[in-house]
Amino acid sequence: MIARIALLFFAAVFLCVGITFMGIGLYQALLLAMAPWAASLVTGVIGLVIAGLFAIVGSHWNSGPASALGGPGFNAAAASISRAVETNPLVAVAAAAAVGIVQSLFSGRRR
């Protein structure tokens, strides 16, 4: 379970870095043929179109049944996080973000 969360986190990081480099590369390629304002406008429009396509695909994605949180593994993880938070308050912010991500992954889309 922890390995899956770590892999999803690293996949998200690599996805963000890849999208950033693709955007910069696209802008630099368009800059050779266009004015800077036009290249940035075209790059932004292409980025919004791609994001819209991902949103459409994500809204039509059929997820499996949502699993409930609250098993013994979740309780043990919550206890270890609460011990770590006592020594470092910044861990509380990271733990809250991680729990929110895990909860959204498990619960799926709600309507």
C-alpha atoms as a PDB file:
ATOM      1  CA  MET A   1       0.000   0.000   0.000  1.00  0.00           C
ATOM      2  CA  ILE A   2       2.778   2.400   0.942  1.00  0.00           C
ATOM      3  CA  ALA A   3       4.660   1.423  -2.203  1.00  0.00           C
ATOM      4  CA  ARG A   4       1.604   2.186  -4.339  1.00  0.00           C
ATOM      5  CA  ILE A   5       1.206   5.622  -2.764  1.00  0.00           C
ATOM      6  CA  ALA A   6       4.909   6.366  -3.223  1.00  0.00           C
ATOM      7  CA  LEU A   7       4.779   5.264  -6.859  1.00  0.00           C
ATOM      8  CA  LEU A   8       1.691   7.392  -7.502  1.00  0.00           C
ATOM      9  CA  PHE A   9       3.453  10.369  -5.916  1.00  0.00           C
ATOM     10  CA  PHE A  10       6.561   9.901  -8.050  1.00  0.00           C
ATOM     11  CA  ALA A  11       4.414   9.413 -11.145  1.00  0.00           C
ATOM     12  CA  ALA A  12       2.651  12.701 -10.428  1.00  0.00           C
ATOM     13  CA  VAL A  13       5.996  14.468  -9.940  1.00  0.00           C
ATOM     14  CA  PHE A  14       7.368  13.082 -13.208  1.00  0.00           C
ATOM     15  CA  LEU A  15       4.139  14.015 -14.978  1.00  0.00           C
ATOM     16  CA  CYS A  16       4.356  17.618 -13.749  1.00  0.00           C
ATOM     17  CA  VAL A  17       8.027  17.904 -14.687  1.00  0.00           C
ATOM     18  CA  GLY A  18       7.352  16.370 -18.100  1.00  0.00           C
ATOM     19  CA  ILE A  19       4.464  18.722 -18.797  1.00  0.00           C
ATOM     20  CA  THR A  20       6.632  21.675 -17.793  1.00  0.00           C
ATOM     21  CA  PHE A  21       9.451  20.680 -20.109  1.00  0.00           C
ATOM     22  CA  MET A  22       7.021  19.996 -22.962  1.00  0.00           C
ATOM     23  CA  GLY A  23       5.461  23.430 -22.501  1.00  0.00           C
ATOM     24  CA  ILE A  24       8.844  25.131 -22.496  1.00  0.00           C
ATOM     25  CA  GLY A  25       9.933  23.141 -25.546  1.00  0.00           C
ATOM     26  CA  LEU A  26       6.735  23.959 -27.411  1.00  0.00           C
ATOM     27  CA  TYR A  27       7.114  27.645 -26.584  1.00  0.00           C
ATOM     28  CA  GLN A  28      10.748  27.659 -27.736  1.00  0.00           C
ATOM     29  CA  ALA A  29       9.815  25.871 -30.980  1.00  0.00           C
ATOM     30  CA  LEU A  30       6.984  28.302 -31.694  1.00  0.00           C
ATOM     31  CA  LEU A  31       9.208  31.236 -30.794  1.00  0.00           C
ATOM     32  CA  LEU A  32      11.312  30.508 -33.882  1.00  0.00           C
ATOM     33  CA  ALA A  33       8.355  31.174 -36.169  1.00  0.00           C
ATOM     34  CA  MET A  34       6.223  33.647 -34.168  1.00  0.00           C
ATOM     35  CA  ALA A  35       6.388  36.717 -32.014  1.00  0.00           C
ATOM     36  CA  PRO A  36       6.793  36.012 -28.288  1.00  0.00           C
ATOM     37  CA  TRP A  37       3.219  37.042 -27.450  1.00  0.00           C
ATOM     38  CA  ALA A  38       1.795  34.782 -30.191  1.00  0.00           C
ATOM     39  CA  ALA A  39       3.962  31.834 -29.167  1.00  0.00           C
ATOM     40  CA  SER A  40       2.854  32.146 -25.564  1.00  0.00           C
ATOM     41  CA  LEU A  41      -0.785  32.477 -26.614  1.00  0.00           C
ATOM     42  CA  VAL A  42      -0.640  29.358 -28.800  1.00  0.00           C
ATOM     43  CA  THR A  43       1.204  27.424 -26.078  1.00  0.00           C
ATOM     44  CA  GLY A  44      -1.424  28.412 -23.507  1.00  0.00           C
ATOM     45  CA  VAL A  45      -4.321  27.472 -25.805  1.00  0.00           C
ATOM     46  CA  ILE A  46      -2.751  24.085 -26.561  1.00  0.00           C
ATOM     47  CA  GLY A  47      -2.244  23.518 -22.824  1.00  0.00           C
ATOM     48  CA  LEU A  48      -5.877  24.346 -22.080  1.00  0.00           C
ATOM     49  CA  VAL A  49      -7.121  22.081 -24.876  1.00  0.00           C
ATOM     50  CA  ILE A  50      -5.030  19.176 -23.583  1.00  0.00           C
ATOM     51  CA  ALA A  51      -6.232  19.812 -20.009  1.00  0.00           C
ATOM     52  CA  GLY A  52      -9.823  19.875 -21.279  1.00  0.00           C
ATOM     53  CA  LEU A  53      -9.325  16.548 -23.031  1.00  0.00           C
ATOM     54  CA  PHE A  54      -7.959  15.043 -19.818  1.00  0.00           C
ATOM     55  CA  ALA A  55     -10.971  16.427 -17.934  1.00  0.00           C
ATOM     56  CA  ILE A  56     -13.382  14.887 -20.438  1.00  0.00           C
ATOM     57  CA  VAL A  57     -11.658  11.512 -20.265  1.00  0.00           C
ATOM     58  CA  GLY A  58     -11.519  11.695 -16.461  1.00  0.00           C
ATOM     59  CA  SER A  59     -15.190  12.515 -16.149  1.00  0.00           C
ATOM     60  CA  HIS A  60     -16.175   9.511 -18.258  1.00  0.00           C
ATOM     61  CA  TRP A  61     -13.778   7.106 -16.561  1.00  0.00           C
ATOM     62  CA  ASN A  62     -15.537   4.235 -14.807  1.00  0.00           C
ATOM     63  CA  SER A  63     -13.895   3.536 -11.492  1.00  0.00           C
ATOM     64  CA  GLY A  64     -14.386   0.374  -9.496  1.00  0.00           C
ATOM     65  CA  PRO A  65     -16.226   0.178  -6.198  1.00  0.00           C
ATOM     66  CA  ALA A  66     -14.890   2.540  -3.573  1.00  0.00           C
ATOM     67  CA  SER A  67     -13.112   0.848  -0.707  1.00  0.00           C
ATOM     68  CA  ALA A  68     -13.756   2.131   2.783  1.00  0.00           C
ATOM     69  CA  LEU A  69     -11.060   3.751   4.863  1.00  0.00           C
ATOM     70  CA  GLY A  70     -10.739   2.800   8.481  1.00  0.00           C
ATOM     71  CA  GLY A  71      -9.164  -0.655   8.520  1.00  0.00           C
ATOM     72  CA  PRO A  72      -6.443  -1.692  10.955  1.00  0.00           C
ATOM     73  CA  GLY A  73      -3.716  -0.521   8.564  1.00  0.00           C
ATOM     74  CA  PHE A  74      -5.229   2.930   8.375  1.00  0.00           C
ATOM     75  CA  ASN A  75      -5.463   3.161  12.157  1.00  0.00           C
ATOM     76  CA  ALA A  76      -1.806   2.130  12.551  1.00  0.00           C
ATOM     77  CA  ALA A  77      -0.748   4.707   9.974  1.00  0.00           C
ATOM     78  CA  ALA A  78      -2.753   7.415  11.731  1.00  0.00           C
ATOM     79  CA  ALA A  79      -1.113   6.542  15.050  1.00  0.00           C
ATOM     80  CA  SER A  80       2.397   6.710  13.587  1.00  0.00           C
ATOM     81  CA  ILE A  81       1.620  10.026  11.902  1.00  0.00           C
ATOM     82  CA  SER A  82       0.300  11.493  15.145  1.00  0.00           C
ATOM     83  CA  ARG A  83       3.534  10.504  16.926  1.00  0.00           C
ATOM     84  CA  ALA A  84       5.607  12.142  14.181  1.00  0.00           C
ATOM     85  CA  VAL A  85       3.511  15.324  14.268  1.00  0.00           C
ATOM     86  CA  GLU A  86       4.374  15.884  17.915  1.00  0.00           C
ATOM     87  CA  THR A  87       8.036  16.423  17.023  1.00  0.00           C
ATOM     88  CA  ASN A  88       7.682  18.281  13.709  1.00  0.00           C
ATOM     89  CA  PRO A  89       4.593  20.393  12.912  1.00  0.00           C
ATOM     90  CA  LEU A  90       5.473  20.557   9.208  1.00  0.00           C
ATOM     91  CA  VAL A  91       4.785  16.831   9.049  1.00  0.00           C
ATOM     92  CA  ALA A  92       1.164  17.634   9.934  1.00  0.00           C
ATOM     93  CA  VAL A  93       0.745  19.595   6.728  1.00  0.00           C
ATOM     94  CA  ALA A  94       2.372  16.871   4.636  1.00  0.00           C
ATOM     95  CA  ALA A  95       0.319  14.181   6.380  1.00  0.00           C
ATOM     96  CA  ALA A  96      -2.913  16.065   5.773  1.00  0.00           C
ATOM     97  CA  ALA A  97      -2.065  16.397   2.086  1.00  0.00           C
ATOM     98  CA  ALA A  98      -1.155  12.711   1.848  1.00  0.00           C
ATOM     99  CA  VAL A  99      -4.341  11.599   3.614  1.00  0.00           C
ATOM    100  CA  GLY A 100      -6.394  13.801   1.298  1.00  0.00           C
ATOM    101  CA  ILE A 101      -4.725  12.312  -1.775  1.00  0.00           C
ATOM    102  CA  VAL A 102      -5.184   8.762  -0.519  1.00  0.00           C
ATOM    103  CA  GLN A 103      -8.801   9.408   0.379  1.00  0.00           C
ATOM    104  CA  SER A 104      -9.546  10.876  -3.036  1.00  0.00           C
ATOM    105  CA  LEU A 105      -7.856   7.925  -4.736  1.00  0.00           C
ATOM    106  CA  PHE A 106      -9.846   5.407  -2.730  1.00  0.00           C
ATOM    107  CA  SER A 107     -13.213   7.081  -2.733  1.00  0.00           C
ATOM    108  CA  GLY A 108     -13.273   7.767  -6.459  1.00  0.00           C
ATOM    109  CA  ARG A 109     -15.583  10.276  -7.947  1.00  0.00           C
ATOM    110  CA  ARG A 110     -18.732  11.230  -6.066  1.00  0.00           C
ATOM    111  CA  ARG A 111     -21.902  12.631  -7.518  1.00  0.00           C
END
